[in-house]
Amino acid sequence: MSASAETIYEDSESRIITRGVKHTYIERLTDGYWQKINVIEADLSDENVEIVPLFSKDGISDKEPLSSLAKEGSVVAAINADF
């Protein structure tokens, strides 16, 4: 058995979110199952781009949906890294 899955079909669509930030959505069929992949590319040399952590106003240990945290600021893309 191979360690990597064979790609049977793949389709992708990219769009610029704002200057310096691009989102790519990929749908891929590999060995009979679908993968849905979201990729954010950020040009960190662009003064328009800044990466900042988002925390609940009630503290770091208080869990809050990422969508709620993102709505509170001027966020154009958010990635859940709580895994």
PDB file of N, CA and C in Angstrom:
ATOM      1  N   MET A   1       0.835  -1.173   0.000  1.00  0.00           N
ATOM      2  CA  MET A   1       0.000   0.000   0.000  1.00  0.00           C
ATOM      3  C   MET A   1       0.886   1.244   0.000  1.00  0.00           C
ATOM      4  N   SER A   2       0.563   2.199  -0.852  1.00  0.00           N
ATOM      5  CA  SER A   2       1.333   3.420  -1.002  1.00  0.00           C
ATOM      6  C   SER A   2       1.050   4.389   0.146  1.00  0.00           C
ATOM      7  N   ALA A   3       2.080   5.143   0.540  1.00  0.00           N
ATOM      8  CA  ALA A   3       1.918   6.126   1.614  1.00  0.00           C
ATOM      9  C   ALA A   3       1.159   7.362   1.137  1.00  0.00           C
ATOM     10  N   SER A   4       1.210   7.644  -0.156  1.00  0.00           N
ATOM     11  CA  SER A   4       0.489   8.803  -0.676  1.00  0.00           C
ATOM     12  C   SER A   4      -0.636   8.343  -1.594  1.00  0.00           C
ATOM     13  N   ALA A   5      -1.730   9.062  -1.547  1.00  0.00           N
ATOM     14  CA  ALA A   5      -2.901   8.712  -2.345  1.00  0.00           C
ATOM     15  C   ALA A   5      -2.715   9.184  -3.785  1.00  0.00           C
ATOM     16  N   GLU A   6      -3.230   8.412  -4.715  1.00  0.00           N
ATOM     17  CA  GLU A   6      -3.170   8.782  -6.125  1.00  0.00           C
ATOM     18  C   GLU A   6      -4.321   9.737  -6.435  1.00  0.00           C
ATOM     19  N   THR A   7      -4.007  10.842  -7.094  1.00  0.00           N
ATOM     20  CA  THR A   7      -5.026  11.811  -7.480  1.00  0.00           C
ATOM     21  C   THR A   7      -5.719  11.332  -8.742  1.00  0.00           C
ATOM     22  N   ILE A   8      -7.043  11.181  -8.647  1.00  0.00           N
ATOM     23  CA  ILE A   8      -7.854  10.750  -9.783  1.00  0.00           C
ATOM     24  C   ILE A   8      -8.422  11.968 -10.507  1.00  0.00           C
ATOM     25  N   TYR A   9      -8.836  12.968  -9.726  1.00  0.00           N
ATOM     26  CA  TYR A   9      -9.432  14.184 -10.286  1.00  0.00           C
ATOM     27  C   TYR A   9      -9.108  15.342  -9.354  1.00  0.00           C
ATOM     28  N   GLU A  10      -8.867  16.525  -9.949  1.00  0.00           N
ATOM     29  CA  GLU A  10      -8.630  17.706  -9.136  1.00  0.00           C
ATOM     30  C   GLU A  10      -9.138  18.942  -9.850  1.00  0.00           C
ATOM     31  N   ASP A  11      -9.760  19.824  -9.094  1.00  0.00           N
ATOM     32  CA  ASP A  11     -10.231  21.099  -9.617  1.00  0.00           C
ATOM     33  C   ASP A  11      -9.907  22.157  -8.567  1.00  0.00           C
ATOM     34  N   SER A  12      -9.525  23.342  -9.008  1.00  0.00           N
ATOM     35  CA  SER A  12      -9.222  24.393  -8.051  1.00  0.00           C
ATOM     36  C   SER A  12      -9.681  25.745  -8.583  1.00  0.00           C
ATOM     37  N   GLU A  13      -9.910  26.648  -7.638  1.00  0.00           N
ATOM     38  CA  GLU A  13     -10.325  28.004  -7.978  1.00  0.00           C
ATOM     39  C   GLU A  13      -9.624  28.952  -7.023  1.00  0.00           C
ATOM     40  N   SER A  14      -9.007  29.999  -7.567  1.00  0.00           N
ATOM     41  CA  SER A  14      -8.292  30.970  -6.743  1.00  0.00           C
ATOM     42  C   SER A  14      -8.932  32.344  -6.888  1.00  0.00           C
ATOM     43  N   ARG A  15      -8.833  33.119  -5.788  1.00  0.00           N
ATOM     44  CA  ARG A  15      -9.295  34.503  -5.854  1.00  0.00           C
ATOM     45  C   ARG A  15      -8.464  35.342  -4.903  1.00  0.00           C
ATOM     46  N   ILE A  16      -8.289  36.598  -5.276  1.00  0.00           N
ATOM     47  CA  ILE A  16      -7.587  37.551  -4.424  1.00  0.00           C
ATOM     48  C   ILE A  16      -8.581  38.056  -3.386  1.00  0.00           C
ATOM     49  N   ILE A  17      -8.236  37.924  -2.119  1.00  0.00           N
ATOM     50  CA  ILE A  17      -9.094  38.412  -1.043  1.00  0.00           C
ATOM     51  C   ILE A  17      -8.862  39.909  -0.848  1.00  0.00           C
ATOM     52  N   THR A  18      -7.609  40.282  -0.792  1.00  0.00           N
ATOM     53  CA  THR A  18      -7.187  41.670  -0.695  1.00  0.00           C
ATOM     54  C   THR A  18      -5.738  41.709  -1.160  1.00  0.00           C
ATOM     55  N   ARG A  19      -5.200  42.902  -1.306  1.00  0.00           N
ATOM     56  CA  ARG A  19      -3.813  42.998  -1.759  1.00  0.00           C
ATOM     57  C   ARG A  19      -2.906  42.200  -0.827  1.00  0.00           C
ATOM     58  N   GLY A  20      -2.174  41.253  -1.383  1.00  0.00           N
ATOM     59  CA  GLY A  20      -1.243  40.446  -0.607  1.00  0.00           C
ATOM     60  C   GLY A  20      -1.805  39.153  -0.051  1.00  0.00           C
ATOM     61  N   VAL A  21      -3.119  38.886  -0.265  1.00  0.00           N
ATOM     62  CA  VAL A  21      -3.727  37.670   0.278  1.00  0.00           C
ATOM     63  C   VAL A  21      -4.569  36.986  -0.795  1.00  0.00           C
ATOM     64  N   LYS A  22      -4.272  35.711  -1.033  1.00  0.00           N
ATOM     65  CA  LYS A  22      -5.000  34.921  -2.034  1.00  0.00           C
ATOM     66  C   LYS A  22      -5.556  33.655  -1.384  1.00  0.00           C
ATOM     67  N   HIS A  23      -6.788  33.301  -1.750  1.00  0.00           N
ATOM     68  CA  HIS A  23      -7.434  32.070  -1.277  1.00  0.00           C
ATOM     69  C   HIS A  23      -7.578  31.121  -2.458  1.00  0.00           C
ATOM     70  N   THR A  24      -7.185  29.870  -2.271  1.00  0.00           N
ATOM     71  CA  THR A  24      -7.377  28.831  -3.277  1.00  0.00           C
ATOM     72  C   THR A  24      -8.174  27.699  -2.655  1.00  0.00           C
ATOM     73  N   TYR A  25      -9.249  27.304  -3.335  1.00  0.00           N
ATOM     74  CA  TYR A  25     -10.082  26.181  -2.910  1.00  0.00           C
ATOM     75  C   TYR A  25      -9.816  25.025  -3.870  1.00  0.00           C
ATOM     76  N   ILE A  26      -9.495  23.867  -3.325  1.00  0.00           N
ATOM     77  CA  ILE A  26      -9.159  22.690  -4.140  1.00  0.00           C
ATOM     78  C   ILE A  26     -10.096  21.550  -3.760  1.00  0.00           C
ATOM     79  N   GLU A  27     -10.687  20.933  -4.760  1.00  0.00           N
ATOM     80  CA  GLU A  27     -11.429  19.678  -4.568  1.00  0.00           C
ATOM     81  C   GLU A  27     -10.641  18.602  -5.283  1.00  0.00           C
ATOM     82  N   ARG A  28     -10.337  17.529  -4.551  1.00  0.00           N
ATOM     83  CA  ARG A  28      -9.490  16.467  -5.101  1.00  0.00           C
ATOM     84  C   ARG A  28     -10.094  15.115  -4.758  1.00  0.00           C
ATOM     85  N   LEU A  29     -10.189  14.263  -5.759  1.00  0.00           N
ATOM     86  CA  LEU A  29     -10.619  12.879  -5.558  1.00  0.00           C
ATOM     87  C   LEU A  29      -9.376  12.009  -5.599  1.00  0.00           C
ATOM     88  N   THR A  30      -9.133  11.295  -4.493  1.00  0.00           N
ATOM     89  CA  THR A  30      -7.966  10.422  -4.419  1.00  0.00           C
ATOM     90  C   THR A  30      -8.395   9.044  -3.943  1.00  0.00           C
ATOM     91  N   ASP A  31      -8.100   8.049  -4.708  1.00  0.00           N
ATOM     92  CA  ASP A  31      -8.378   6.651  -4.343  1.00  0.00           C
ATOM     93  C   ASP A  31      -9.781   6.448  -3.763  1.00  0.00           C
ATOM     94  N   GLY A  32     -10.765   7.109  -4.354  1.00  0.00           N
ATOM     95  CA  GLY A  32     -12.145   6.873  -3.966  1.00  0.00           C
ATOM     96  C   GLY A  32     -12.719   7.780  -2.897  1.00  0.00           C
ATOM     97  N   TYR A  33     -11.975   8.758  -2.394  1.00  0.00           N
ATOM     98  CA  TYR A  33     -12.546   9.689  -1.428  1.00  0.00           C
ATOM     99  C   TYR A  33     -12.178  11.122  -1.816  1.00  0.00           C
ATOM    100  N   TRP A  34     -13.033  12.061  -1.407  1.00  0.00           N
ATOM    101  CA  TRP A  34     -12.853  13.467  -1.741  1.00  0.00           C
ATOM    102  C   TRP A  34     -12.090  14.200  -0.642  1.00  0.00           C
ATOM    103  N   GLN A  35     -11.240  15.127  -1.070  1.00  0.00           N
ATOM    104  CA  GLN A  35     -10.563  16.052  -0.162  1.00  0.00           C
ATOM    105  C   GLN A  35     -11.009  17.454  -0.547  1.00  0.00           C
ATOM    106  N   LYS A  36     -11.368  18.250   0.433  1.00  0.00           N
ATOM    107  CA  LYS A  36     -11.700  19.659   0.216  1.00  0.00           C
ATOM    108  C   LYS A  36     -10.658  20.473   0.962  1.00  0.00           C
ATOM    109  N   ILE A  37      -9.864  21.227   0.215  1.00  0.00           N
ATOM    110  CA  ILE A  37      -8.685  21.891   0.758  1.00  0.00           C
ATOM    111  C   ILE A  37      -8.798  23.399   0.543  1.00  0.00           C
ATOM    112  N   ASN A  38      -8.564  24.167   1.592  1.00  0.00           N
ATOM    113  CA  ASN A  38      -8.510  25.620   1.510  1.00  0.00           C
ATOM    114  C   ASN A  38      -7.083  26.057   1.784  1.00  0.00           C
ATOM    115  N   VAL A  39      -6.522  26.882   0.888  1.00  0.00           N
ATOM    116  CA  VAL A  39      -5.153  27.365   1.025  1.00  0.00           C
ATOM    117  C   VAL A  39      -5.185  28.886   1.055  1.00  0.00           C
ATOM    118  N   ILE A  40      -4.529  29.477   2.039  1.00  0.00           N
ATOM    119  CA  ILE A  40      -4.364  30.922   2.113  1.00  0.00           C
ATOM    120  C   ILE A  40      -2.889  31.217   1.859  1.00  0.00           C
ATOM    121  N   GLU A  41      -2.630  32.074   0.863  1.00  0.00           N
ATOM    122  CA  GLU A  41      -1.269  32.536   0.594  1.00  0.00           C
ATOM    123  C   GLU A  41      -1.200  33.996   0.984  1.00  0.00           C
ATOM    124  N   ALA A  42      -0.268  34.328   1.873  1.00  0.00           N
ATOM    125  CA  ALA A  42      -0.114  35.696   2.348  1.00  0.00           C
ATOM    126  C   ALA A  42       1.301  36.179   2.051  1.00  0.00           C
ATOM    127  N   ASP A  43       1.393  37.315   1.371  1.00  0.00           N
ATOM    128  CA  ASP A  43       2.682  37.926   1.069  1.00  0.00           C
ATOM    129  C   ASP A  43       3.105  38.754   2.276  1.00  0.00           C
ATOM    130  N   LEU A  44       3.948  38.194   3.109  1.00  0.00           N
ATOM    131  CA  LEU A  44       4.330  38.840   4.356  1.00  0.00           C
ATOM    132  C   LEU A  44       5.217  40.065   4.151  1.00  0.00           C
ATOM    133  N   SER A  45       5.706  40.269   2.937  1.00  0.00           N
ATOM    134  CA  SER A  45       6.486  41.477   2.661  1.00  0.00           C
ATOM    135  C   SER A  45       5.579  42.651   2.294  1.00  0.00           C
ATOM    136  N   ASP A  46       4.280  42.400   2.097  1.00  0.00           N
ATOM    137  CA  ASP A  46       3.313  43.447   1.779  1.00  0.00           C
ATOM    138  C   ASP A  46       2.883  44.142   3.064  1.00  0.00           C
ATOM    139  N   GLU A  47       2.999  45.470   3.106  1.00  0.00           N
ATOM    140  CA  GLU A  47       2.636  46.216   4.321  1.00  0.00           C
ATOM    141  C   GLU A  47       1.148  46.114   4.659  1.00  0.00           C
ATOM    142  N   ASN A  48       0.335  45.655   3.704  1.00  0.00           N
ATOM    143  CA  ASN A  48      -1.103  45.475   3.913  1.00  0.00           C
ATOM    144  C   ASN A  48      -1.399  44.193   4.707  1.00  0.00           C
ATOM    145  N   VAL A  49      -0.411  43.299   4.813  1.00  0.00           N
ATOM    146  CA  VAL A  49      -0.618  41.980   5.417  1.00  0.00           C
ATOM    147  C   VAL A  49       0.014  41.929   6.807  1.00  0.00           C
ATOM    148  N   GLU A  50      -0.782  41.441   7.751  1.00  0.00           N
ATOM    149  CA  GLU A  50      -0.297  41.269   9.115  1.00  0.00           C
ATOM    150  C   GLU A  50      -0.914  39.994   9.678  1.00  0.00           C
ATOM    151  N   ILE A  51      -0.114  39.200  10.333  1.00  0.00           N
ATOM    152  CA  ILE A  51      -0.615  37.989  10.970  1.00  0.00           C
ATOM    153  C   ILE A  51      -0.674  38.240  12.474  1.00  0.00           C
ATOM    154  N   VAL A  52      -1.865  38.057  13.033  1.00  0.00           N
ATOM    155  CA  VAL A  52      -2.057  38.268  14.471  1.00  0.00           C
ATOM    156  C   VAL A  52      -2.885  37.119  15.035  1.00  0.00           C
ATOM    157  N   PRO A  53      -2.602  36.705  16.268  1.00  0.00           N
ATOM    158  CA  PRO A  53      -3.416  35.656  16.890  1.00  0.00           C
ATOM    159  C   PRO A  53      -4.758  36.234  17.349  1.00  0.00           C
ATOM    160  N   LEU A  54      -5.789  35.423  17.323  1.00  0.00           N
ATOM    161  CA  LEU A  54      -7.107  35.812  17.823  1.00  0.00           C
ATOM    162  C   LEU A  54      -7.399  35.032  19.092  1.00  0.00           C
ATOM    163  N   PHE A  55      -7.817  35.736  20.116  1.00  0.00           N
ATOM    164  CA  PHE A  55      -8.167  35.108  21.384  1.00  0.00           C
ATOM    165  C   PHE A  55      -9.532  35.616  21.825  1.00  0.00           C
ATOM    166  N   SER A  56     -10.226  34.815  22.602  1.00  0.00           N
ATOM    167  CA  SER A  56     -11.486  35.236  23.196  1.00  0.00           C
ATOM    168  C   SER A  56     -11.232  36.393  24.158  1.00  0.00           C
ATOM    169  N   LYS A  57     -12.146  37.343  24.181  1.00  0.00           N
ATOM    170  CA  LYS A  57     -11.999  38.474  25.114  1.00  0.00           C
ATOM    171  C   LYS A  57     -12.074  38.012  26.566  1.00  0.00           C
ATOM    172  N   ASP A  58     -12.581  36.779  26.781  1.00  0.00           N
ATOM    173  CA  ASP A  58     -12.686  36.222  28.129  1.00  0.00           C
ATOM    174  C   ASP A  58     -11.443  35.439  28.541  1.00  0.00           C
ATOM    175  N   GLY A  59     -10.424  35.417  27.699  1.00  0.00           N
ATOM    176  CA  GLY A  59      -9.176  34.750  28.046  1.00  0.00           C
ATOM    177  C   GLY A  59      -8.820  33.641  27.076  1.00  0.00           C
ATOM    178  N   ILE A  60      -7.574  33.254  27.103  1.00  0.00           N
ATOM    179  CA  ILE A  60      -7.049  32.271  26.153  1.00  0.00           C
ATOM    180  C   ILE A  60      -7.648  30.876  26.359  1.00  0.00           C
ATOM    181  N   SER A  61      -8.063  30.565  27.579  1.00  0.00           N
ATOM    182  CA  SER A  61      -8.612  29.231  27.850  1.00  0.00           C
ATOM    183  C   SER A  61     -10.102  29.128  27.504  1.00  0.00           C
ATOM    184  N   ASP A  62     -10.751  30.272  27.230  1.00  0.00           N
ATOM    185  CA  ASP A  62     -12.169  30.270  26.873  1.00  0.00           C
ATOM    186  C   ASP A  62     -12.315  30.005  25.377  1.00  0.00           C
ATOM    187  N   LYS A  63     -13.034  28.958  25.038  1.00  0.00           N
ATOM    188  CA  LYS A  63     -13.204  28.600  23.634  1.00  0.00           C
ATOM    189  C   LYS A  63     -14.344  29.392  23.019  1.00  0.00           C
ATOM    190  N   GLU A  64     -14.108  29.866  21.795  1.00  0.00           N
ATOM    191  CA  GLU A  64     -15.097  30.643  21.058  1.00  0.00           C
ATOM    192  C   GLU A  64     -14.942  30.274  19.580  1.00  0.00           C
ATOM    193  N   PRO A  65     -16.030  30.189  18.828  1.00  0.00           N
ATOM    194  CA  PRO A  65     -15.916  29.840  17.406  1.00  0.00           C
ATOM    195  C   PRO A  65     -15.013  30.831  16.657  1.00  0.00           C
ATOM    196  N   LEU A  66     -14.204  30.313  15.761  1.00  0.00           N
ATOM    197  CA  LEU A  66     -13.302  31.146  14.969  1.00  0.00           C
ATOM    198  C   LEU A  66     -14.065  32.221  14.211  1.00  0.00           C
ATOM    199  N   SER A  67     -15.241  31.877  13.696  1.00  0.00           N
ATOM    200  CA  SER A  67     -16.033  32.852  12.948  1.00  0.00           C
ATOM    201  C   SER A  67     -16.412  34.048  13.831  1.00  0.00           C
ATOM    202  N   SER A  68     -16.714  33.814  15.093  1.00  0.00           N
ATOM    203  CA  SER A  68     -17.041  34.906  16.019  1.00  0.00           C
ATOM    204  C   SER A  68     -15.822  35.785  16.286  1.00  0.00           C
ATOM    205  N   LEU A  69     -14.683  35.165  16.494  1.00  0.00           N
ATOM    206  CA  LEU A  69     -13.457  35.919  16.739  1.00  0.00           C
ATOM    207  C   LEU A  69     -13.092  36.774  15.529  1.00  0.00           C
ATOM    208  N   ALA A  70     -13.234  36.223  14.341  1.00  0.00           N
ATOM    209  CA  ALA A  70     -12.877  36.940  13.118  1.00  0.00           C
ATOM    210  C   ALA A  70     -13.791  38.131  12.875  1.00  0.00           C
ATOM    211  N   LYS A  71     -15.061  38.025  13.240  1.00  0.00           N
ATOM    212  CA  LYS A  71     -16.015  39.118  13.029  1.00  0.00           C
ATOM    213  C   LYS A  71     -15.720  40.330  13.913  1.00  0.00           C
ATOM    214  N   GLU A  72     -15.019  40.122  15.014  1.00  0.00           N
ATOM    215  CA  GLU A  72     -14.752  41.204  15.958  1.00  0.00           C
ATOM    216  C   GLU A  72     -13.684  42.177  15.466  1.00  0.00           C
ATOM    217  N   GLY A  73     -12.852  41.780  14.512  1.00  0.00           N
ATOM    218  CA  GLY A  73     -11.763  42.636  14.046  1.00  0.00           C
ATOM    219  C   GLY A  73     -11.830  42.853  12.545  1.00  0.00           C
ATOM    220  N   SER A  74     -10.795  43.449  12.019  1.00  0.00           N
ATOM    221  CA  SER A  74     -10.717  43.685  10.576  1.00  0.00           C
ATOM    222  C   SER A  74      -9.967  42.517   9.926  1.00  0.00           C
ATOM    223  N   VAL A  75     -10.540  41.341  10.030  1.00  0.00           N
ATOM    224  CA  VAL A  75      -9.920  40.107   9.570  1.00  0.00           C
ATOM    225  C   VAL A  75     -10.431  39.757   8.176  1.00  0.00           C
ATOM    226  N   VAL A  76      -9.522  39.427   7.252  1.00  0.00           N
ATOM    227  CA  VAL A  76      -9.941  38.995   5.916  1.00  0.00           C
ATOM    228  C   VAL A  76      -9.796  37.499   5.719  1.00  0.00           C
ATOM    229  N   ALA A  77      -9.007  36.845   6.579  1.00  0.00           N
ATOM    230  CA  ALA A  77      -8.843  35.386   6.522  1.00  0.00           C
ATOM    231  C   ALA A  77      -8.484  34.900   7.918  1.00  0.00           C
ATOM    232  N   ALA A  78      -9.008  33.745   8.288  1.00  0.00           N
ATOM    233  CA  ALA A  78      -8.728  33.174   9.600  1.00  0.00           C
ATOM    234  C   ALA A  78      -8.511  31.677   9.466  1.00  0.00           C
ATOM    235  N   ILE A  79      -7.548  31.165  10.207  1.00  0.00           N
ATOM    236  CA  ILE A  79      -7.205  29.747  10.154  1.00  0.00           C
ATOM    237  C   ILE A  79      -7.260  29.189  11.571  1.00  0.00           C
ATOM    238  N   ASN A  80      -7.994  28.105  11.732  1.00  0.00           N
ATOM    239  CA  ASN A  80      -8.105  27.453  13.032  1.00  0.00           C
ATOM    240  C   ASN A  80      -6.868  26.587  13.250  1.00  0.00           C
ATOM    241  N   ALA A  81      -6.098  26.936  14.268  1.00  0.00           N
ATOM    242  CA  ALA A  81      -4.885  26.177  14.577  1.00  0.00           C
ATOM    243  C   ALA A  81      -5.016  25.450  15.902  1.00  0.00           C
ATOM    244  N   ASP A  82      -6.231  25.259  16.353  1.00  0.00           N
ATOM    245  CA  ASP A  82      -6.507  24.573  17.617  1.00  0.00           C
ATOM    246  C   ASP A  82      -6.794  23.104  17.319  1.00  0.00           C
ATOM    247  N   PHE A  83      -5.728  22.357  17.072  1.00  0.00           N
ATOM    248  CA  PHE A  83      -5.896  20.936  16.762  1.00  0.00           C
ATOM    249  C   PHE A  83      -4.841  20.114  17.443  1.00  0.00           C
TER     250      PHE A  83
END
